[in-house]
N, C-alpha and C. Protein backbone atom coordinates (compact mmCIF):
# COMPACT_ATOMS: atom_id res chain seq x y z
N UNK A 1 -60.26 210.89 6.58
CA UNK A 1 -60.76 210.89 4.91
C UNK A 1 -59.42 210.53 4.01
N UNK A 2 -59.95 209.96 3.27
CA UNK A 2 -59.07 209.13 2.44
C UNK A 2 -58.56 210.67 1.02
N UNK A 3 -56.95 211.04 1.28
CA UNK A 3 -56.81 212.22 -0.05
C UNK A 3 -56.65 211.39 -1.46
N UNK A 4 -56.53 209.99 -1.34
CA UNK A 4 -56.11 209.63 -2.85
C UNK A 4 -55.70 208.00 -2.51
N UNK A 5 -55.15 207.80 -3.90
CA UNK A 5 -54.19 206.26 -3.47
C UNK A 5 -53.45 206.32 -4.51
N UNK A 6 -52.25 205.28 -3.95
CA UNK A 6 -50.90 205.13 -5.37
C UNK A 6 -50.75 203.43 -5.20
N UNK A 7 -50.36 203.16 -6.24
CA UNK A 7 -49.80 202.03 -6.52
C UNK A 7 -48.24 202.52 -6.60
N UNK A 8 -47.30 201.99 -5.80
CA UNK A 8 -46.05 201.97 -5.10
C UNK A 8 -45.13 200.83 -5.29
N UNK A 9 -44.27 201.14 -5.92
CA UNK A 9 -42.72 200.44 -6.41
C UNK A 9 -42.12 200.38 -5.40
N UNK A 10 -41.60 199.45 -4.87
CA UNK A 10 -41.00 198.95 -2.76
C UNK A 10 -39.44 198.61 -3.50
N UNK A 11 -38.65 198.77 -2.21
CA UNK A 11 -37.49 198.52 -2.78
C UNK A 11 -36.69 197.28 -2.19
N UNK A 12 -35.53 196.45 -2.53
CA UNK A 12 -34.71 195.86 -1.51
C UNK A 12 -34.46 196.36 -0.24
N UNK A 13 -34.35 195.58 0.67
CA UNK A 13 -33.74 195.85 2.14
C UNK A 13 -32.45 197.01 2.00
N UNK A 14 -31.50 196.39 1.04
CA UNK A 14 -30.24 197.51 0.82
C UNK A 14 -30.87 198.75 0.41
N UNK A 15 -31.54 199.15 -0.60
CA UNK A 15 -31.84 200.06 -1.54
C UNK A 15 -32.53 200.96 -0.52
N UNK A 16 -33.65 200.45 -0.06
CA UNK A 16 -34.60 201.09 0.72
C UNK A 16 -34.11 201.58 1.85
N UNK A 17 -33.22 200.66 2.58
CA UNK A 17 -32.38 202.14 3.56
C UNK A 17 -31.41 202.85 3.51
N UNK A 18 -30.97 202.71 2.00
CA UNK A 18 -29.90 204.00 1.58
C UNK A 18 -30.92 204.87 1.32
N UNK A 19 -32.62 204.94 0.79
CA UNK A 19 -33.00 206.44 0.52
C UNK A 19 -33.57 206.61 2.62
N UNK A 20 -33.94 205.80 3.33
CA UNK A 20 -34.56 205.99 4.58
C UNK A 20 -33.00 206.65 5.15
N UNK A 21 -31.55 206.66 4.68
CA UNK A 21 -30.25 207.40 5.70
C UNK A 21 -30.95 208.76 5.05
N UNK A 22 -31.13 209.15 3.72
CA UNK A 22 -31.26 210.58 3.43
C UNK A 22 -32.72 211.00 4.39
N UNK A 23 -33.94 210.49 4.63
CA UNK A 23 -34.88 210.89 5.03
C UNK A 23 -34.19 211.31 6.11
N UNK A 24 -33.67 210.76 7.01
CA UNK A 24 -33.33 210.44 8.64
C UNK A 24 -32.10 211.34 8.61
N UNK A 25 -31.38 212.04 7.53
CA UNK A 25 -30.50 213.14 7.51
C UNK A 25 -30.70 214.25 7.78
N UNK A 26 -32.05 214.02 6.81
CA UNK A 26 -32.69 215.50 6.56
C UNK A 26 -33.78 215.50 8.18
N UNK A 27 -34.37 215.02 8.89
CA UNK A 27 -34.99 214.99 10.01
C UNK A 27 -34.65 215.42 10.90
N UNK A 28 -33.27 214.76 11.29
CA UNK A 28 -32.13 215.12 12.34
C UNK A 28 -31.70 216.92 11.88
N UNK A 29 -31.65 216.87 10.46
CA UNK A 29 -31.24 218.28 10.76
C UNK A 29 -32.65 219.36 10.75
N UNK A 30 -33.88 218.70 10.74
CA UNK A 30 -34.79 219.33 11.02
C UNK A 30 -35.28 220.55 9.83
N UNK A 31 -34.83 219.47 8.66
CA UNK A 31 -35.09 220.19 7.59
C UNK A 31 -36.62 219.93 7.11
N UNK A 32 -36.56 218.97 7.10
CA UNK A 32 -38.12 217.60 6.80
C UNK A 32 -38.25 216.48 7.56
N UNK A 33 -39.39 216.27 8.16
CA UNK A 33 -39.74 214.88 8.90
C UNK A 33 -41.11 214.22 8.38
N UNK A 34 -41.57 214.84 7.10
CA UNK A 34 -43.09 214.78 6.85
C UNK A 34 -43.12 213.17 6.45
N UNK A 35 -41.95 212.68 5.84
CA UNK A 35 -42.61 211.42 4.79
C UNK A 35 -42.18 210.46 5.82
N UNK A 36 -41.59 210.65 7.45
CA UNK A 36 -41.19 209.63 8.89
C UNK A 36 -42.21 209.70 9.26
N UNK A 37 -43.03 210.78 9.17
CA UNK A 37 -44.57 211.39 10.25
C UNK A 37 -45.28 210.66 9.74
N UNK A 38 -45.55 210.23 8.55
CA UNK A 38 -46.87 209.73 7.63
C UNK A 38 -46.70 208.44 7.66
N UNK A 39 -45.77 207.96 8.24
CA UNK A 39 -45.20 206.76 7.89
C UNK A 39 -45.32 205.97 6.56
N UNK A 40 -44.83 206.58 5.69
CA UNK A 40 -44.54 206.09 4.46
C UNK A 40 -43.36 205.01 4.33
N UNK A 41 -43.01 204.64 3.15
CA UNK A 41 -41.87 203.58 2.72
C UNK A 41 -41.38 204.00 1.97
N UNK A 42 -39.62 204.06 1.51
CA UNK A 42 -39.50 204.64 0.12
C UNK A 42 -39.95 203.75 -0.49
N UNK A 43 -40.19 204.81 -1.99
CA UNK A 43 -40.76 204.15 -3.07
C UNK A 43 -40.74 205.12 -4.31
N UNK A 44 -41.23 204.29 -5.48
CA UNK A 44 -41.23 205.21 -6.64
C UNK A 44 -42.76 205.14 -7.03
N UNK A 45 -43.95 206.49 -7.52
CA UNK A 45 -45.02 205.89 -7.26
C UNK A 45 -44.99 205.43 -8.99
N UNK A 46 -45.98 204.53 -9.42
CA UNK A 46 -46.39 204.28 -10.71
C UNK A 46 -47.63 204.57 -11.27
N UNK A 47 -48.73 205.39 -10.21
CA UNK A 47 -49.51 205.47 -10.70
C UNK A 47 -50.52 206.09 -8.96
N UNK A 48 -51.47 206.89 -9.41
CA UNK A 48 -51.66 207.54 -8.34
C UNK A 48 -53.12 207.92 -9.11
N UNK A 49 -54.44 208.22 -7.80
CA UNK A 49 -55.47 208.51 -8.20
C UNK A 49 -56.50 208.74 -6.80
N UNK A 50 -57.14 209.79 -7.39
CA UNK A 50 -57.83 210.13 -5.94
C UNK A 50 -58.88 209.39 -4.97
N UNK A 51 -59.51 208.62 -6.31
CA UNK A 51 -60.56 207.65 -6.30
C UNK A 51 -60.63 206.59 -7.18
N UNK A 52 -60.69 205.54 -5.83
CA UNK A 52 -60.19 204.32 -6.26
C UNK A 52 -60.99 203.27 -5.36
N UNK A 53 -61.20 202.03 -6.29
CA UNK A 53 -61.68 200.90 -5.33
C UNK A 53 -60.27 199.55 -5.49
N UNK A 54 -60.08 199.88 -4.27
CA UNK A 54 -58.98 199.10 -4.01
C UNK A 54 -59.28 197.48 -4.17
N UNK A 55 -60.40 196.84 -4.11
CA UNK A 55 -60.87 195.54 -4.38
C UNK A 55 -60.80 195.48 -5.73
N UNK A 56 -61.38 196.39 -6.42
CA UNK A 56 -60.96 196.14 -8.07
C UNK A 56 -59.43 195.98 -8.60
N UNK A 57 -58.61 196.62 -8.09
CA UNK A 57 -57.49 196.75 -8.32
C UNK A 57 -56.38 195.71 -7.83
N UNK A 58 -56.79 194.96 -6.72
CA UNK A 58 -56.09 193.81 -5.89
C UNK A 58 -55.55 193.04 -7.19
N UNK A 59 -56.69 192.27 -7.92
CA UNK A 59 -56.33 191.24 -8.75
C UNK A 59 -55.62 191.31 -10.06
N UNK A 60 -55.90 192.20 -10.51
CA UNK A 60 -55.00 193.37 -11.84
C UNK A 60 -53.56 193.61 -10.98
N UNK A 61 -53.57 193.85 -9.97
CA UNK A 61 -51.84 194.22 -9.64
C UNK A 61 -51.14 192.87 -9.68
N UNK A 62 -51.88 192.33 -8.45
CA UNK A 62 -51.10 190.46 -8.37
C UNK A 62 -50.73 189.90 -9.78
N UNK A 63 -51.66 190.02 -10.69
CA UNK A 63 -51.53 189.36 -11.89
C UNK A 63 -50.03 189.77 -12.47
N UNK A 64 -50.02 191.01 -12.42
CA UNK A 64 -49.34 192.00 -13.12
C UNK A 64 -47.69 191.93 -12.37
N UNK A 65 -47.79 191.59 -10.95
CA UNK A 65 -46.70 191.40 -10.62
C UNK A 65 -46.49 190.24 -10.77
N UNK A 66 -47.18 188.73 -10.91
CA UNK A 66 -46.41 187.40 -11.16
C UNK A 66 -45.98 187.68 -12.33
N UNK A 67 -46.09 188.48 -13.18
CA UNK A 67 -45.58 188.38 -14.72
C UNK A 67 -44.14 189.17 -14.76
N UNK A 68 -43.91 189.85 -13.81
CA UNK A 68 -42.64 190.71 -13.20
C UNK A 68 -41.86 189.91 -12.63
N UNK A 69 -40.14 190.39 -13.28
CA UNK A 69 -39.55 189.90 -12.08
C UNK A 69 -38.65 191.40 -11.31
N UNK A 70 -37.98 191.20 -10.55
CA UNK A 70 -37.21 192.16 -9.68
C UNK A 70 -36.67 193.62 -10.69
N UNK A 71 -37.00 194.60 -10.55
CA UNK A 71 -36.88 195.51 -11.51
C UNK A 71 -35.39 196.24 -11.29
N UNK A 72 -34.05 196.01 -12.16
CA UNK A 72 -32.97 197.05 -11.62
C UNK A 72 -33.40 198.40 -11.92
N UNK A 73 -32.58 199.17 -10.27
CA UNK A 73 -32.61 200.97 -10.21
C UNK A 73 -31.62 200.96 -9.73
N UNK A 74 -31.52 202.09 -10.20
CA UNK A 74 -30.25 203.32 -10.36
C UNK A 74 -30.48 204.64 -9.39
N UNK A 75 -30.32 204.98 -8.63
CA UNK A 75 -30.78 206.35 -8.45
C UNK A 75 -29.16 207.65 -8.27
N UNK A 76 -29.46 208.33 -9.32
CA UNK A 76 -28.13 208.98 -9.68
C UNK A 76 -27.49 210.35 -9.39
N UNK A 77 -29.26 211.49 -9.25
CA UNK A 77 -29.17 212.41 -9.43
C UNK A 77 -30.40 212.62 -8.11
N UNK A 78 -30.25 214.02 -7.97
CA UNK A 78 -31.44 214.67 -7.14
C UNK A 78 -32.13 215.80 -7.62
N UNK A 79 -33.42 215.57 -6.94
CA UNK A 79 -34.26 217.03 -7.84
C UNK A 79 -35.31 217.77 -7.13
N UNK A 80 -35.86 218.22 -7.88
CA UNK A 80 -37.00 218.84 -6.98
C UNK A 80 -37.91 219.48 -8.36
N UNK A 81 -39.69 219.33 -7.65
CA UNK A 81 -40.38 219.87 -8.71
C UNK A 81 -40.67 221.62 -8.48
N UNK A 82 -41.03 222.23 -9.90
CA UNK A 82 -41.03 223.31 -9.75
C UNK A 82 -42.78 223.99 -9.50
N UNK A 83 -42.52 223.43 -8.29
CA UNK A 83 -44.46 223.57 -7.64
C UNK A 83 -44.29 223.81 -6.07
N UNK A 84 -45.38 223.89 -5.38
CA UNK A 84 -45.22 224.53 -4.46
C UNK A 84 -45.14 223.47 -3.31
N UNK A 85 -45.35 222.41 -3.51
CA UNK A 85 -45.06 221.08 -2.57
C UNK A 85 -43.52 220.86 -1.78
N UNK A 86 -42.80 221.65 -2.61
CA UNK A 86 -41.34 221.64 -1.98
C UNK A 86 -40.73 220.39 -1.87
N UNK A 87 -41.28 219.69 -2.68
CA UNK A 87 -40.58 218.22 -3.06
C UNK A 87 -38.98 217.94 -3.28
N UNK A 88 -38.22 217.16 -2.31
CA UNK A 88 -37.05 217.00 -3.03
C UNK A 88 -37.02 215.37 -3.57
N UNK A 89 -36.24 214.73 -4.43
CA UNK A 89 -36.26 213.44 -5.08
C UNK A 89 -34.87 212.91 -5.13
N UNK A 90 -34.78 211.46 -4.91
CA UNK A 90 -33.61 211.01 -5.72
C UNK A 90 -34.38 210.44 -7.54
N UNK A 91 -33.21 210.60 -8.09
CA UNK A 91 -34.24 210.50 -9.68
C UNK A 91 -33.70 208.85 -9.89
N UNK A 92 -34.28 208.06 -10.35
CA UNK A 92 -33.71 206.68 -11.25
C UNK A 92 -33.15 207.39 -12.24
N UNK A 93 -32.25 206.17 -13.25
CA UNK A 93 -31.95 206.36 -14.21
C UNK A 93 -33.40 205.93 -15.33
N UNK A 94 -33.91 206.80 -15.74
CA UNK A 94 -35.12 206.35 -16.53
C UNK A 94 -34.69 205.12 -17.53
N UNK A 95 -34.35 203.54 -17.45
CA UNK A 95 -34.33 202.94 -17.97
C UNK A 95 -35.42 202.50 -19.13
N UNK A 96 -35.33 201.81 -20.18
CA UNK A 96 -36.33 200.92 -20.98
C UNK A 96 -37.28 200.25 -20.13
N UNK A 97 -36.59 199.62 -19.26
CA UNK A 97 -37.43 198.55 -18.40
C UNK A 97 -38.47 199.17 -17.39
N UNK A 98 -37.77 200.05 -16.75
CA UNK A 98 -38.92 201.03 -15.71
C UNK A 98 -39.95 201.89 -16.42
N UNK A 99 -39.71 202.22 -17.64
CA UNK A 99 -40.50 203.05 -18.58
C UNK A 99 -41.61 202.14 -19.11
N UNK A 100 -41.11 200.49 -19.44
CA UNK A 100 -42.04 199.88 -19.90
C UNK A 100 -43.04 199.53 -18.52
N UNK A 101 -42.02 198.97 -17.52
CA UNK A 101 -42.86 198.40 -16.30
C UNK A 101 -44.16 199.60 -15.92
N UNK A 102 -43.70 200.57 -15.91
CA UNK A 102 -44.95 201.72 -15.70
C UNK A 102 -46.30 201.68 -16.62
N UNK A 103 -45.92 201.76 -18.04
CA UNK A 103 -46.83 201.74 -19.33
C UNK A 103 -47.63 200.52 -19.10
N UNK A 104 -46.66 199.13 -19.09
CA UNK A 104 -47.50 198.22 -18.91
C UNK A 104 -48.82 197.96 -18.24
N UNK A 105 -47.85 198.21 -16.46
CA UNK A 105 -49.40 198.54 -15.53
C UNK A 105 -50.38 199.33 -15.52
N UNK A 106 -50.34 200.74 -16.24
CA UNK A 106 -51.12 201.20 -16.52
C UNK A 106 -52.18 200.95 -17.67
N UNK A 107 -51.56 200.12 -18.54
CA UNK A 107 -52.46 199.75 -19.68
C UNK A 107 -53.19 198.76 -18.77
N UNK A 108 -52.83 197.70 -17.88
CA UNK A 108 -53.37 196.64 -17.44
C UNK A 108 -54.23 197.60 -16.56
N UNK A 109 -54.31 198.73 -15.95
CA UNK A 109 -55.21 199.32 -15.05
C UNK A 109 -56.60 200.00 -16.22
N UNK A 110 -55.98 200.65 -16.95
CA UNK A 110 -57.01 201.26 -18.14
C UNK A 110 -57.92 199.92 -18.35
N UNK A 111 -57.31 199.01 -18.73
CA UNK A 111 -58.27 197.58 -18.92
C UNK A 111 -59.40 197.59 -18.33
N UNK A 112 -59.61 197.82 -16.84
CA UNK A 112 -60.57 197.66 -15.60
C UNK A 112 -61.02 199.06 -15.98
N UNK A 113 -61.01 199.91 -16.41
CA UNK A 113 -62.05 201.34 -16.81
C UNK A 113 -61.59 202.49 -15.88
N UNK A 114 -60.22 202.17 -16.05
CA UNK A 114 -59.79 203.46 -14.54
C UNK A 114 -59.36 204.20 -15.36
N UNK A 115 -59.54 205.64 -15.20
CA UNK A 115 -58.88 206.66 -16.07
C UNK A 115 -57.21 206.60 -15.42
N UNK A 116 -56.45 206.74 -16.31
CA UNK A 116 -55.12 207.53 -16.07
C UNK A 116 -55.11 208.65 -16.19
N UNK A 117 -54.44 209.30 -15.31
CA UNK A 117 -54.15 210.61 -15.22
C UNK A 117 -52.94 211.45 -16.31
N UNK A 118 -53.15 212.59 -16.43
CA UNK A 118 -52.08 212.97 -17.56
C UNK A 118 -50.56 212.79 -17.21
N UNK A 119 -50.18 212.73 -15.34
CA UNK A 119 -48.86 212.97 -15.17
C UNK A 119 -48.65 211.51 -14.95
N UNK A 120 -49.39 210.19 -15.23
CA UNK A 120 -48.37 209.05 -15.25
C UNK A 120 -49.12 208.02 -16.84
N UNK A 121 -49.18 209.24 -17.41
CA UNK A 121 -49.63 208.24 -18.65
C UNK A 121 -47.86 208.03 -19.56
N UNK A 122 -47.72 207.13 -20.27
CA UNK A 122 -46.16 206.97 -20.74
C UNK A 122 -45.79 208.28 -21.02
N UNK A 123 -45.70 209.17 -22.00
CA UNK A 123 -45.10 210.11 -22.48
C UNK A 123 -44.92 211.29 -21.49
N UNK A 124 -45.68 211.02 -20.31
CA UNK A 124 -45.43 212.13 -19.35
C UNK A 124 -45.06 212.07 -17.68
N UNK A 125 -44.78 210.60 -17.63
CA UNK A 125 -44.86 210.41 -16.24
C UNK A 125 -42.87 210.20 -16.02
N UNK A 126 -43.08 210.79 -14.74
CA UNK A 126 -41.65 211.11 -14.02
C UNK A 126 -41.14 210.39 -13.25
N UNK A 127 -40.33 209.30 -12.95
CA UNK A 127 -40.22 208.17 -12.17
C UNK A 127 -39.18 208.68 -10.99
N UNK A 128 -39.90 208.93 -10.07
CA UNK A 128 -38.55 209.68 -8.73
C UNK A 128 -39.22 208.84 -7.28
N UNK A 129 -38.38 209.35 -6.12
CA UNK A 129 -38.40 208.68 -5.19
C UNK A 129 -38.43 209.79 -3.95
N UNK A 130 -39.49 210.10 -3.34
CA UNK A 130 -39.06 211.12 -2.12
C UNK A 130 -38.39 211.27 -1.25
N UNK A 131 -37.49 212.14 -1.00
CA UNK A 131 -36.94 211.88 0.37
C UNK A 131 -37.23 213.36 1.12
N UNK A 132 -37.75 214.34 0.48
CA UNK A 132 -38.11 215.27 1.94
C UNK A 132 -39.40 216.43 1.36
N UNK A 133 -40.65 216.14 1.85
CA UNK A 133 -41.70 217.01 1.48
C UNK A 133 -41.99 218.02 2.11
N UNK A 134 -42.67 219.43 1.37
CA UNK A 134 -43.10 220.57 2.13
C UNK A 134 -41.72 221.43 2.80
N UNK A 135 -40.39 221.25 2.47
CA UNK A 135 -39.21 221.41 2.81
C UNK A 135 -39.52 223.48 2.55
N UNK A 136 -39.17 224.18 4.09
CA UNK A 136 -39.13 225.13 3.95
C UNK A 136 -38.52 226.04 2.71
N UNK A 137 -38.62 226.87 1.64
CA UNK A 137 -38.24 227.71 0.70
C UNK A 137 -37.12 228.15 1.18
N UNK A 138 -36.83 228.85 2.15
CA UNK A 138 -35.44 229.10 2.63
C UNK A 138 -34.66 228.25 3.44
N UNK A 139 -34.75 226.79 2.94
CA UNK A 139 -33.95 225.28 3.85
C UNK A 139 -34.32 224.64 2.03
N UNK A 140 -34.16 225.06 0.91
CA UNK A 140 -34.06 223.92 0.21
C UNK A 140 -32.70 224.02 -0.69
N UNK A 141 -32.66 225.07 -0.21
CA UNK A 141 -30.52 225.05 -0.73
C UNK A 141 -29.66 224.03 0.08
N UNK A 142 -29.75 224.49 1.26
CA UNK A 142 -29.00 223.43 2.66
C UNK A 142 -29.81 222.18 2.37
N UNK A 143 -31.15 221.40 1.82
CA UNK A 143 -31.56 220.48 1.99
C UNK A 143 -30.91 219.48 0.46
N UNK A 144 -30.72 220.24 0.05
CA UNK A 144 -29.42 219.79 -1.41
C UNK A 144 -28.08 219.21 -1.22
N UNK A 145 -27.71 220.43 -0.62
CA UNK A 145 -26.64 220.55 -0.04
C UNK A 145 -26.18 219.12 0.63
N UNK A 146 -27.22 219.14 1.79
CA UNK A 146 -27.25 217.75 2.24
C UNK A 146 -27.11 217.01 1.55
N UNK A 147 -27.93 216.64 0.84
CA UNK A 147 -28.75 215.18 -0.15
C UNK A 147 -26.93 215.05 -1.23
N UNK A 148 -26.69 216.55 -1.45
CA UNK A 148 -25.16 215.59 -2.57
C UNK A 148 -24.51 215.10 -1.71
N UNK A 149 -24.48 215.15 -0.09
CA UNK A 149 -23.11 214.47 0.74
C UNK A 149 -23.60 213.20 0.83
N UNK A 150 -24.85 212.85 0.36
CA UNK A 150 -24.90 211.06 0.14
C UNK A 150 -24.17 210.64 -0.92
N UNK A 151 -23.99 209.64 -0.59
CA UNK A 151 -23.09 208.99 -2.12
C UNK A 151 -24.17 208.51 -2.67
N UNK A 152 -23.83 209.28 -4.07
CA UNK A 152 -24.92 208.63 -5.24
C UNK A 152 -23.98 207.94 -6.30
N UNK A 153 -24.36 207.12 -7.10
CA UNK A 153 -25.24 206.88 -7.28
C UNK A 153 -25.68 205.47 -6.19
N UNK A 154 -26.54 205.08 -5.41
CA UNK A 154 -27.26 204.02 -5.08
C UNK A 154 -28.00 203.24 -5.96
N UNK A 155 -27.40 201.82 -5.71
CA UNK A 155 -28.47 201.18 -6.78
C UNK A 155 -28.67 199.66 -5.97
N UNK A 156 -29.68 198.97 -6.88
CA UNK A 156 -30.63 198.13 -6.26
C UNK A 156 -31.93 197.77 -6.97
N UNK A 157 -32.86 196.95 -6.43
CA UNK A 157 -33.94 196.60 -7.08
C UNK A 157 -35.23 196.90 -6.63
N UNK A 158 -36.02 197.17 -7.37
CA UNK A 158 -37.71 197.20 -6.73
C UNK A 158 -37.89 195.26 -7.34
N UNK A 159 -38.39 195.51 -6.04
CA UNK A 159 -39.19 193.95 -5.76
C UNK A 159 -40.27 193.44 -5.49
N UNK A 160 -40.95 194.78 -4.67
CA UNK A 160 -42.64 194.52 -4.77
C UNK A 160 -43.37 195.66 -5.23
N UNK A 161 -44.95 195.49 -5.56
CA UNK A 161 -45.49 196.35 -6.20
C UNK A 161 -47.13 196.78 -4.57
N UNK A 162 -46.90 197.85 -4.56
CA UNK A 162 -48.50 197.80 -3.72
C UNK A 162 -49.31 198.88 -3.61
N UNK A 163 -50.35 198.84 -2.75
CA UNK A 163 -51.57 199.79 -2.98
C UNK A 163 -51.42 200.31 -1.74
N UNK A 164 -51.56 201.81 -1.53
CA UNK A 164 -51.40 202.39 -0.52
C UNK A 164 -52.83 203.75 -0.37
N UNK A 165 -53.25 203.71 0.73
CA UNK A 165 -54.73 204.60 0.89
C UNK A 165 -53.73 205.76 1.26
N UNK A 166 -53.90 206.97 1.34
CA UNK A 166 -53.77 208.21 1.82
C UNK A 166 -54.10 209.25 2.06
N UNK A 167 -53.62 210.12 3.15
CA UNK A 167 -52.59 210.57 4.04
C UNK A 167 -53.77 210.41 5.58
N UNK A 168 -52.77 209.38 6.47
CA UNK A 168 -51.76 208.76 6.71
C UNK A 168 -51.85 207.37 5.70
N UNK A 169 -50.25 207.15 5.91
CA UNK A 169 -50.54 205.77 4.32
C UNK A 169 -50.97 204.68 5.15
N UNK A 170 -51.61 204.20 4.73
CA UNK A 170 -52.06 202.36 5.04
C UNK A 170 -51.84 201.60 3.41
N UNK A 171 -50.98 200.73 3.95
CA UNK A 171 -50.89 199.65 2.86
C UNK A 171 -52.31 199.14 2.30
N UNK A 172 -53.09 198.86 1.63
CA UNK A 172 -54.37 198.07 1.33
C UNK A 172 -53.52 196.69 0.84
N UNK A 173 -52.60 196.34 0.00
CA UNK A 173 -52.21 195.08 -0.27
C UNK A 173 -50.81 195.42 -1.11
N UNK A 174 -50.07 194.38 -0.83
CA UNK A 174 -48.82 194.39 -1.74
C UNK A 174 -48.22 192.92 -2.36
N UNK A 175 -47.83 192.71 -3.34
CA UNK A 175 -46.81 191.71 -4.11
C UNK A 175 -45.68 191.53 -4.21
N UNK A 176 -44.89 190.90 -3.92
CA UNK A 176 -43.45 190.53 -4.44
C UNK A 176 -43.83 190.59 -6.35
N UNK A 177 -42.71 190.85 -6.57
CA UNK A 177 -42.45 191.01 -7.88
C UNK A 177 -42.22 189.50 -8.76
N UNK A 178 -42.88 188.77 -9.39
CA UNK A 178 -42.29 187.52 -9.83
C UNK A 178 -42.72 186.41 -9.32
N UNK A 179 -43.58 186.54 -7.97
CA UNK A 179 -44.09 185.77 -7.02
C UNK A 179 -45.18 185.11 -7.56
N UNK A 180 -45.57 184.16 -7.97
CA UNK A 180 -46.61 183.50 -8.49
C UNK A 180 -47.40 182.42 -7.33
N UNK A 181 -46.63 182.45 -5.85
CA UNK A 181 -47.02 181.43 -4.99
C UNK A 181 -48.35 182.20 -4.62
N UNK A 182 -49.31 181.27 -4.88
CA UNK A 182 -50.32 181.78 -3.79
C UNK A 182 -50.33 181.89 -2.35
N UNK A 183 -50.65 182.83 -1.86
CA UNK A 183 -50.21 183.50 -0.11
C UNK A 183 -51.46 182.73 0.72
């Protein structure tokens, strides 16, 4: 049974490997293995909804991706949200290009009659790349210390955009940014 869908921004191989290093360090220390176990891929979530028709979004996302180019990203800090999910993340610099990219995507989705939840509206969206989920409360401080040892900032490019169904993670489709070649 699906818990939902999300549109995710994927990274170039070098940046993806930097994020995977953080996942693996936390897994080796037995702090968090969930992202590896659900076979997620390092990403920034641009939009998420519990109910979607993937077929309805495919042409919208494909068209949107074709009009974009690779997007520079630089993860400069570590963060956590004040909720019970105990997610730790790398936070990208919220550049105007990144904010506009996400806002334009949501506008394109909205034109298809799909409602944009409050957390993905342009004035409240927080870009982040999860590196750990469900971290035991007693190990959050240790996880932060481990992540602080990673060499930040890590920079690269967002190269692809895709729709996944979760959980477990199953990619419905993905498109290279700026690629107008028919597959």
